[in-house]
Amino acid sequence: MNPDRFFGMSLFIFLCFIFSSQPAASAQSLQERNEVLFGQLQKVHGLSEGQMDSIRTLFRESGYIGQGNPAIAKHPVAPDG
């Protein structure tokens, strides 16, 4: 397996737990919400553009990766604590 792809898949699984209770600001479309997430990932973890491209590719190629439906999602913890 390509090391970048393995890194991206491992990071995605980790991030599912980290960001599952984090709303994606006020972004409306799935693409906009994902871009907010990608920006947070890059800033918090200091990821390179190559690593971000791998993560974006994973999201784009998957038929189901996303952050859930914000219209019905109920998060147990508010982002402000």
PDB file of N, CA and C in Angstrom:
ATOM      1  N   MET A   1       0.843  -1.178   0.000  1.00  0.00           N
ATOM      2  CA  MET A   1       0.000   0.000   0.000  1.00  0.00           C
ATOM      3  C   MET A   1       0.889   1.242   0.000  1.00  0.00           C
ATOM      4  N   ASN A   2       0.482   2.250  -0.730  1.00  0.00           N
ATOM      5  CA  ASN A   2       1.183   3.519  -0.794  1.00  0.00           C
ATOM      6  C   ASN A   2       1.243   4.132   0.611  1.00  0.00           C
ATOM      7  N   PRO A   3       2.444   4.545   1.079  1.00  0.00           N
ATOM      8  CA  PRO A   3       2.559   5.097   2.440  1.00  0.00           C
ATOM      9  C   PRO A   3       1.679   6.320   2.669  1.00  0.00           C
ATOM     10  N   ASP A   4       1.551   7.195   1.661  1.00  0.00           N
ATOM     11  CA  ASP A   4       0.684   8.367   1.826  1.00  0.00           C
ATOM     12  C   ASP A   4      -0.770   7.957   1.982  1.00  0.00           C
ATOM     13  N   ARG A   5      -1.191   6.957   1.218  1.00  0.00           N
ATOM     14  CA  ARG A   5      -2.582   6.490   1.310  1.00  0.00           C
ATOM     15  C   ARG A   5      -2.828   5.835   2.670  1.00  0.00           C
ATOM     16  N   PHE A   6      -1.861   5.048   3.140  1.00  0.00           N
ATOM     17  CA  PHE A   6      -1.983   4.419   4.458  1.00  0.00           C
ATOM     18  C   PHE A   6      -2.063   5.492   5.534  1.00  0.00           C
ATOM     19  N   PHE A   7      -1.205   6.517   5.430  1.00  0.00           N
ATOM     20  CA  PHE A   7      -1.225   7.615   6.379  1.00  0.00           C
ATOM     21  C   PHE A   7      -2.596   8.285   6.368  1.00  0.00           C
ATOM     22  N   GLY A   8      -3.106   8.554   5.169  1.00  0.00           N
ATOM     23  CA  GLY A   8      -4.404   9.224   5.045  1.00  0.00           C
ATOM     24  C   GLY A   8      -5.527   8.408   5.658  1.00  0.00           C
ATOM     25  N   MET A   9      -5.531   7.106   5.412  1.00  0.00           N
ATOM     26  CA  MET A   9      -6.586   6.252   5.968  1.00  0.00           C
ATOM     27  C   MET A   9      -6.474   6.195   7.487  1.00  0.00           C
ATOM     28  N   SER A  10      -5.268   6.071   7.997  1.00  0.00           N
ATOM     29  CA  SER A  10      -5.061   6.024   9.449  1.00  0.00           C
ATOM     30  C   SER A  10      -5.482   7.339  10.088  1.00  0.00           C
ATOM     31  N   LEU A  11      -5.108   8.434   9.452  1.00  0.00           N
ATOM     32  CA  LEU A  11      -5.462   9.745   9.963  1.00  0.00           C
ATOM     33  C   LEU A  11      -6.971   9.935   9.959  1.00  0.00           C
ATOM     34  N   PHE A  12      -7.629   9.492   8.902  1.00  0.00           N
ATOM     35  CA  PHE A  12      -9.082   9.632   8.825  1.00  0.00           C
ATOM     36  C   PHE A  12      -9.760   8.911   9.982  1.00  0.00           C
ATOM     37  N   ILE A  13      -9.341   7.690  10.263  1.00  0.00           N
ATOM     38  CA  ILE A  13      -9.947   6.922  11.356  1.00  0.00           C
ATOM     39  C   ILE A  13      -9.738   7.660  12.682  1.00  0.00           C
ATOM     40  N   PHE A  14      -8.534   8.149  12.893  1.00  0.00           N
ATOM     41  CA  PHE A  14      -8.240   8.908  14.101  1.00  0.00           C
ATOM     42  C   PHE A  14      -9.119  10.152  14.196  1.00  0.00           C
ATOM     43  N   LEU A  15      -9.267  10.850  13.080  1.00  0.00           N
ATOM     44  CA  LEU A  15     -10.012  12.098  13.077  1.00  0.00           C
ATOM     45  C   LEU A  15     -11.507  11.903  13.266  1.00  0.00           C
ATOM     46  N   CYS A  16     -12.012  10.752  12.882  1.00  0.00           N
ATOM     47  CA  CYS A  16     -13.426  10.465  13.122  1.00  0.00           C
ATOM     48  C   CYS A  16     -13.742  10.608  14.601  1.00  0.00           C
ATOM     49  N   PHE A  17     -12.829  10.163  15.438  1.00  0.00           N
ATOM     50  CA  PHE A  17     -13.029  10.262  16.877  1.00  0.00           C
ATOM     51  C   PHE A  17     -12.812  11.680  17.379  1.00  0.00           C
ATOM     52  N   ILE A  18     -11.806  12.349  16.862  1.00  0.00           N
ATOM     53  CA  ILE A  18     -11.458  13.686  17.327  1.00  0.00           C
ATOM     54  C   ILE A  18     -12.521  14.721  16.953  1.00  0.00           C
ATOM     55  N   PHE A  19     -12.960  14.692  15.700  1.00  0.00           N
ATOM     56  CA  PHE A  19     -13.840  15.743  15.212  1.00  0.00           C
ATOM     57  C   PHE A  19     -15.312  15.359  15.180  1.00  0.00           C
ATOM     58  N   SER A  20     -15.665  14.221  15.712  1.00  0.00           N
ATOM     59  CA  SER A  20     -17.062  13.788  15.622  1.00  0.00           C
ATOM     60  C   SER A  20     -18.005  14.725  16.355  1.00  0.00           C
ATOM     61  N   SER A  21     -17.522  15.445  17.360  1.00  0.00           N
ATOM     62  CA  SER A  21     -18.396  16.366  18.083  1.00  0.00           C
ATOM     63  C   SER A  21     -18.154  17.816  17.695  1.00  0.00           C
ATOM     64  N   GLN A  22     -17.344  18.043  16.671  1.00  0.00           N
ATOM     65  CA  GLN A  22     -17.036  19.399  16.241  1.00  0.00           C
ATOM     66  C   GLN A  22     -17.901  19.804  15.049  1.00  0.00           C
ATOM     67  N   PRO A  23     -18.787  20.782  15.193  1.00  0.00           N
ATOM     68  CA  PRO A  23     -19.547  21.231  14.022  1.00  0.00           C
ATOM     69  C   PRO A  23     -18.632  21.959  13.056  1.00  0.00           C
ATOM     70  N   ALA A  24     -18.972  21.954  11.809  1.00  0.00           N
ATOM     71  CA  ALA A  24     -18.146  22.593  10.785  1.00  0.00           C
ATOM     72  C   ALA A  24     -18.602  24.023  10.536  1.00  0.00           C
ATOM     73  N   ALA A  25     -18.578  24.825  11.580  1.00  0.00           N
ATOM     74  CA  ALA A  25     -18.970  26.230  11.517  1.00  0.00           C
ATOM     75  C   ALA A  25     -20.358  26.364  10.913  1.00  0.00           C
ATOM     76  N   SER A  26     -20.539  27.317  10.012  1.00  0.00           N
ATOM     77  CA  SER A  26     -21.857  27.502   9.424  1.00  0.00           C
ATOM     78  C   SER A  26     -21.888  27.088   7.961  1.00  0.00           C
ATOM     79  N   ALA A  27     -20.904  26.339   7.519  1.00  0.00           N
ATOM     80  CA  ALA A  27     -20.850  25.892   6.126  1.00  0.00           C
ATOM     81  C   ALA A  27     -22.074  25.056   5.794  1.00  0.00           C
ATOM     82  N   GLN A  28     -22.573  25.158   4.584  1.00  0.00           N
ATOM     83  CA  GLN A  28     -23.808  24.500   4.204  1.00  0.00           C
ATOM     84  C   GLN A  28     -23.614  23.200   3.428  1.00  0.00           C
ATOM     85  N   SER A  29     -22.827  23.218   2.380  1.00  0.00           N
ATOM     86  CA  SER A  29     -22.704  22.028   1.541  1.00  0.00           C
ATOM     87  C   SER A  29     -21.689  21.056   2.136  1.00  0.00           C
ATOM     88  N   LEU A  30     -21.782  19.798   1.722  1.00  0.00           N
ATOM     89  CA  LEU A  30     -20.830  18.797   2.172  1.00  0.00           C
ATOM     90  C   LEU A  30     -19.409  19.222   1.832  1.00  0.00           C
ATOM     91  N   GLN A  31     -19.205  19.718   0.633  1.00  0.00           N
ATOM     92  CA  GLN A  31     -17.871  20.150   0.213  1.00  0.00           C
ATOM     93  C   GLN A  31     -17.366  21.288   1.104  1.00  0.00           C
ATOM     94  N   GLU A  32     -18.228  22.238   1.429  1.00  0.00           N
ATOM     95  CA  GLU A  32     -17.824  23.346   2.295  1.00  0.00           C
ATOM     96  C   GLU A  32     -17.487  22.847   3.698  1.00  0.00           C
ATOM     97  N   ARG A  33     -18.308  21.941   4.226  1.00  0.00           N
ATOM     98  CA  ARG A  33     -18.036  21.384   5.562  1.00  0.00           C
ATOM     99  C   ARG A  33     -16.718  20.615   5.560  1.00  0.00           C
ATOM    100  N   ASN A  34     -16.480  19.855   4.501  1.00  0.00           N
ATOM    101  CA  ASN A  34     -15.228  19.109   4.420  1.00  0.00           C
ATOM    102  C   ASN A  34     -14.034  20.048   4.327  1.00  0.00           C
ATOM    103  N   GLU A  35     -14.162  21.135   3.586  1.00  0.00           N
ATOM    104  CA  GLU A  35     -13.054  22.088   3.474  1.00  0.00           C
ATOM    105  C   GLU A  35     -12.740  22.719   4.824  1.00  0.00           C
ATOM    106  N   VAL A  36     -13.768  22.988   5.632  1.00  0.00           N
ATOM    107  CA  VAL A  36     -13.537  23.496   6.991  1.00  0.00           C
ATOM    108  C   VAL A  36     -12.746  22.462   7.783  1.00  0.00           C
ATOM    109  N   LEU A  37     -13.165  21.202   7.697  1.00  0.00           N
ATOM    110  CA  LEU A  37     -12.459  20.117   8.375  1.00  0.00           C
ATOM    111  C   LEU A  37     -11.012  20.023   7.887  1.00  0.00           C
ATOM    112  N   PHE A  38     -10.804  20.069   6.585  1.00  0.00           N
ATOM    113  CA  PHE A  38      -9.454  19.969   6.026  1.00  0.00           C
ATOM    114  C   PHE A  38      -8.569  21.106   6.533  1.00  0.00           C
ATOM    115  N   GLY A  39      -9.127  22.301   6.604  1.00  0.00           N
ATOM    116  CA  GLY A  39      -8.370  23.438   7.121  1.00  0.00           C
ATOM    117  C   GLY A  39      -7.971  23.242   8.576  1.00  0.00           C
ATOM    118  N   GLN A  40      -8.902  22.706   9.370  1.00  0.00           N
ATOM    119  CA  GLN A  40      -8.600  22.435  10.775  1.00  0.00           C
ATOM    120  C   GLN A  40      -7.515  21.370  10.900  1.00  0.00           C
ATOM    121  N   LEU A  41      -7.630  20.320  10.105  1.00  0.00           N
ATOM    122  CA  LEU A  41      -6.642  19.245  10.141  1.00  0.00           C
ATOM    123  C   LEU A  41      -5.248  19.771   9.822  1.00  0.00           C
ATOM    124  N   GLN A  42      -5.170  20.555   8.766  1.00  0.00           N
ATOM    125  CA  GLN A  42      -3.863  21.044   8.335  1.00  0.00           C
ATOM    126  C   GLN A  42      -3.258  21.954   9.394  1.00  0.00           C
ATOM    127  N   LYS A  43      -4.075  22.822   9.971  1.00  0.00           N
ATOM    128  CA  LYS A  43      -3.582  23.764  10.979  1.00  0.00           C
ATOM    129  C   LYS A  43      -3.166  23.045  12.258  1.00  0.00           C
ATOM    130  N   VAL A  44      -4.032  22.207  12.790  1.00  0.00           N
ATOM    131  CA  VAL A  44      -3.780  21.549  14.074  1.00  0.00           C
ATOM    132  C   VAL A  44      -2.634  20.548  14.000  1.00  0.00           C
ATOM    133  N   HIS A  45      -2.574  19.792  12.897  1.00  0.00           N
ATOM    134  CA  HIS A  45      -1.581  18.720  12.798  1.00  0.00           C
ATOM    135  C   HIS A  45      -0.379  19.075  11.933  1.00  0.00           C
ATOM    136  N   GLY A  46      -0.355  20.294  11.375  1.00  0.00           N
ATOM    137  CA  GLY A  46       0.787  20.723  10.574  1.00  0.00           C
ATOM    138  C   GLY A  46       1.018  19.842   9.352  1.00  0.00           C
ATOM    139  N   LEU A  47      -0.062  19.449   8.689  1.00  0.00           N
ATOM    140  CA  LEU A  47       0.042  18.542   7.545  1.00  0.00           C
ATOM    141  C   LEU A  47       0.514  19.279   6.294  1.00  0.00           C
ATOM    142  N   SER A  48       1.268  18.579   5.481  1.00  0.00           N
ATOM    143  CA  SER A  48       1.772  19.147   4.228  1.00  0.00           C
ATOM    144  C   SER A  48       0.658  19.136   3.182  1.00  0.00           C
ATOM    145  N   GLU A  49       0.888  19.846   2.088  1.00  0.00           N
ATOM    146  CA  GLU A  49      -0.085  19.846   0.992  1.00  0.00           C
ATOM    147  C   GLU A  49      -0.242  18.439   0.410  1.00  0.00           C
ATOM    148  N   GLY A  50       0.858  17.684   0.337  1.00  0.00           N
ATOM    149  CA  GLY A  50       0.794  16.315  -0.164  1.00  0.00           C
ATOM    150  C   GLY A  50      -0.084  15.437   0.713  1.00  0.00           C
ATOM    151  N   GLN A  51       0.050  15.584   2.020  1.00  0.00           N
ATOM    152  CA  GLN A  51      -0.787  14.820   2.948  1.00  0.00           C
ATOM    153  C   GLN A  51      -2.248  15.244   2.820  1.00  0.00           C
ATOM    154  N   MET A  52      -2.481  16.540   2.672  1.00  0.00           N
ATOM    155  CA  MET A  52      -3.858  17.027   2.516  1.00  0.00           C
ATOM    156  C   MET A  52      -4.456  16.521   1.208  1.00  0.00           C
ATOM    157  N   ASP A  53      -3.652  16.472   0.150  1.00  0.00           N
ATOM    158  CA  ASP A  53      -4.139  15.928  -1.125  1.00  0.00           C
ATOM    159  C   ASP A  53      -4.556  14.467  -0.961  1.00  0.00           C
ATOM    160  N   SER A  54      -3.788  13.703  -0.170  1.00  0.00           N
ATOM    161  CA  SER A  54      -4.137  12.294   0.078  1.00  0.00           C
ATOM    162  C   SER A  54      -5.461  12.181   0.818  1.00  0.00           C
ATOM    163  N   ILE A  55      -5.657  13.042   1.805  1.00  0.00           N
ATOM    164  CA  ILE A  55      -6.907  13.020   2.576  1.00  0.00           C
ATOM    165  C   ILE A  55      -8.074  13.434   1.692  1.00  0.00           C
ATOM    166  N   ARG A  56      -7.893  14.481   0.910  1.00  0.00           N
ATOM    167  CA  ARG A  56      -8.963  14.918   0.000  1.00  0.00           C
ATOM    168  C   ARG A  56      -9.320  13.804  -0.996  1.00  0.00           C
ATOM    169  N   THR A  57      -8.304  13.098  -1.480  1.00  0.00           N
ATOM    170  CA  THR A  57      -8.537  11.992  -2.412  1.00  0.00           C
ATOM    171  C   THR A  57      -9.347  10.894  -1.744  1.00  0.00           C
ATOM    172  N   LEU A  58      -9.031  10.570  -0.501  1.00  0.00           N
ATOM    173  CA  LEU A  58      -9.805   9.551   0.228  1.00  0.00           C
ATOM    174  C   LEU A  58     -11.271   9.944   0.322  1.00  0.00           C
ATOM    175  N   PHE A  59     -11.543  11.194   0.667  1.00  0.00           N
ATOM    176  CA  PHE A  59     -12.922  11.669   0.772  1.00  0.00           C
ATOM    177  C   PHE A  59     -13.607  11.626  -0.590  1.00  0.00           C
ATOM    178  N   ARG A  60     -12.897  12.110  -1.623  1.00  0.00           N
ATOM    179  CA  ARG A  60     -13.480  12.202  -2.963  1.00  0.00           C
ATOM    180  C   ARG A  60     -13.784  10.821  -3.542  1.00  0.00           C
ATOM    181  N   GLU A  61     -12.889   9.851  -3.331  1.00  0.00           N
ATOM    182  CA  GLU A  61     -13.065   8.521  -3.915  1.00  0.00           C
ATOM    183  C   GLU A  61     -14.058   7.653  -3.153  1.00  0.00           C
ATOM    184  N   SER A  62     -14.331   8.011  -1.922  1.00  0.00           N
ATOM    185  CA  SER A  62     -15.260   7.224  -1.117  1.00  0.00           C
ATOM    186  C   SER A  62     -16.687   7.656  -1.422  1.00  0.00           C
ATOM    187  N   GLY A  63     -17.575   6.704  -1.414  1.00  0.00           N
ATOM    188  CA  GLY A  63     -18.985   7.032  -1.601  1.00  0.00           C
ATOM    189  C   GLY A  63     -19.695   7.355  -0.305  1.00  0.00           C
ATOM    190  N   TYR A  64     -18.987   7.276   0.826  1.00  0.00           N
ATOM    191  CA  TYR A  64     -19.682   7.461   2.099  1.00  0.00           C
ATOM    192  C   TYR A  64     -18.918   8.243   3.164  1.00  0.00           C
ATOM    193  N   ILE A  65     -17.654   8.573   2.959  1.00  0.00           N
ATOM    194  CA  ILE A  65     -16.922   9.344   3.972  1.00  0.00           C
ATOM    195  C   ILE A  65     -17.485  10.751   4.024  1.00  0.00           C
ATOM    196  N   GLY A  66     -17.723  11.222   5.214  1.00  0.00           N
ATOM    197  CA  GLY A  66     -18.221  12.571   5.413  1.00  0.00           C
ATOM    198  C   GLY A  66     -18.357  12.847   6.892  1.00  0.00           C
ATOM    199  N   GLN A  67     -19.039  13.926   7.211  1.00  0.00           N
ATOM    200  CA  GLN A  67     -19.183  14.338   8.596  1.00  0.00           C
ATOM    201  C   GLN A  67     -20.612  14.177   9.088  1.00  0.00           C
ATOM    202  N   GLY A  68     -21.390  13.408   8.390  1.00  0.00           N
ATOM    203  CA  GLY A  68     -22.769  13.207   8.808  1.00  0.00           C
ATOM    204  C   GLY A  68     -23.686  14.279   8.268  1.00  0.00           C
ATOM    205  N   ASN A  69     -24.952  14.100   8.517  1.00  0.00           N
ATOM    206  CA  ASN A  69     -25.970  15.044   8.062  1.00  0.00           C
ATOM    207  C   ASN A  69     -26.203  16.060   9.174  1.00  0.00           C
ATOM    208  N   PRO A  70     -25.769  17.319   8.985  1.00  0.00           N
ATOM    209  CA  PRO A  70     -25.900  18.310  10.055  1.00  0.00           C
ATOM    210  C   PRO A  70     -27.349  18.634  10.411  1.00  0.00           C
ATOM    211  N   ALA A  71     -28.270  18.345   9.508  1.00  0.00           N
ATOM    212  CA  ALA A  71     -29.679  18.630   9.782  1.00  0.00           C
ATOM    213  C   ALA A  71     -30.245  17.699  10.846  1.00  0.00           C
ATOM    214  N   ILE A  72     -29.676  16.504  10.977  1.00  0.00           N
ATOM    215  CA  ILE A  72     -30.221  15.546  11.939  1.00  0.00           C
ATOM    216  C   ILE A  72     -29.222  15.107  13.005  1.00  0.00           C
ATOM    217  N   ALA A  73     -27.948  15.474  12.837  1.00  0.00           N
ATOM    218  CA  ALA A  73     -26.920  15.046  13.790  1.00  0.00           C
ATOM    219  C   ALA A  73     -27.122  15.744  15.130  1.00  0.00           C
ATOM    220  N   LYS A  74     -27.018  14.981  16.195  1.00  0.00           N
ATOM    221  CA  LYS A  74     -27.105  15.531  17.542  1.00  0.00           C
ATOM    222  C   LYS A  74     -25.832  15.129  18.274  1.00  0.00           C
ATOM    223  N   HIS A  75     -24.981  16.109  18.551  1.00  0.00           N
ATOM    224  CA  HIS A  75     -23.704  15.840  19.187  1.00  0.00           C
ATOM    225  C   HIS A  75     -23.860  15.949  20.708  1.00  0.00           C
ATOM    226  N   PRO A  76     -23.305  14.983  21.445  1.00  0.00           N
ATOM    227  CA  PRO A  76     -23.468  14.977  22.897  1.00  0.00           C
ATOM    228  C   PRO A  76     -22.672  16.067  23.619  1.00  0.00           C
ATOM    229  N   VAL A  77     -21.688  16.642  22.951  1.00  0.00           N
ATOM    230  CA  VAL A  77     -20.855  17.655  23.597  1.00  0.00           C
ATOM    231  C   VAL A  77     -20.804  18.884  22.703  1.00  0.00           C
ATOM    232  N   ALA A  78     -21.029  20.054  23.297  1.00  0.00           N
ATOM    233  CA  ALA A  78     -20.935  21.300  22.541  1.00  0.00           C
ATOM    234  C   ALA A  78     -19.467  21.633  22.326  1.00  0.00           C
ATOM    235  N   PRO A  79     -19.113  22.278  21.201  1.00  0.00           N
ATOM    236  CA  PRO A  79     -17.705  22.567  20.906  1.00  0.00           C
ATOM    237  C   PRO A  79     -17.074  23.519  21.926  1.00  0.00           C
ATOM    238  N   ASP A  80     -17.870  24.317  22.635  1.00  0.00           N
ATOM    239  CA  ASP A  80     -17.310  25.264  23.605  1.00  0.00           C
ATOM    240  C   ASP A  80     -17.161  24.656  24.998  1.00  0.00           C
ATOM    241  N   GLY A  81     -17.387  23.356  25.104  1.00  0.00           N
ATOM    242  CA  GLY A  81     -17.136  22.683  26.364  1.00  0.00           C
ATOM    243  C   GLY A  81     -18.382  22.208  26.972  1.00  0.00           C
TER     244      GLY A  81
END
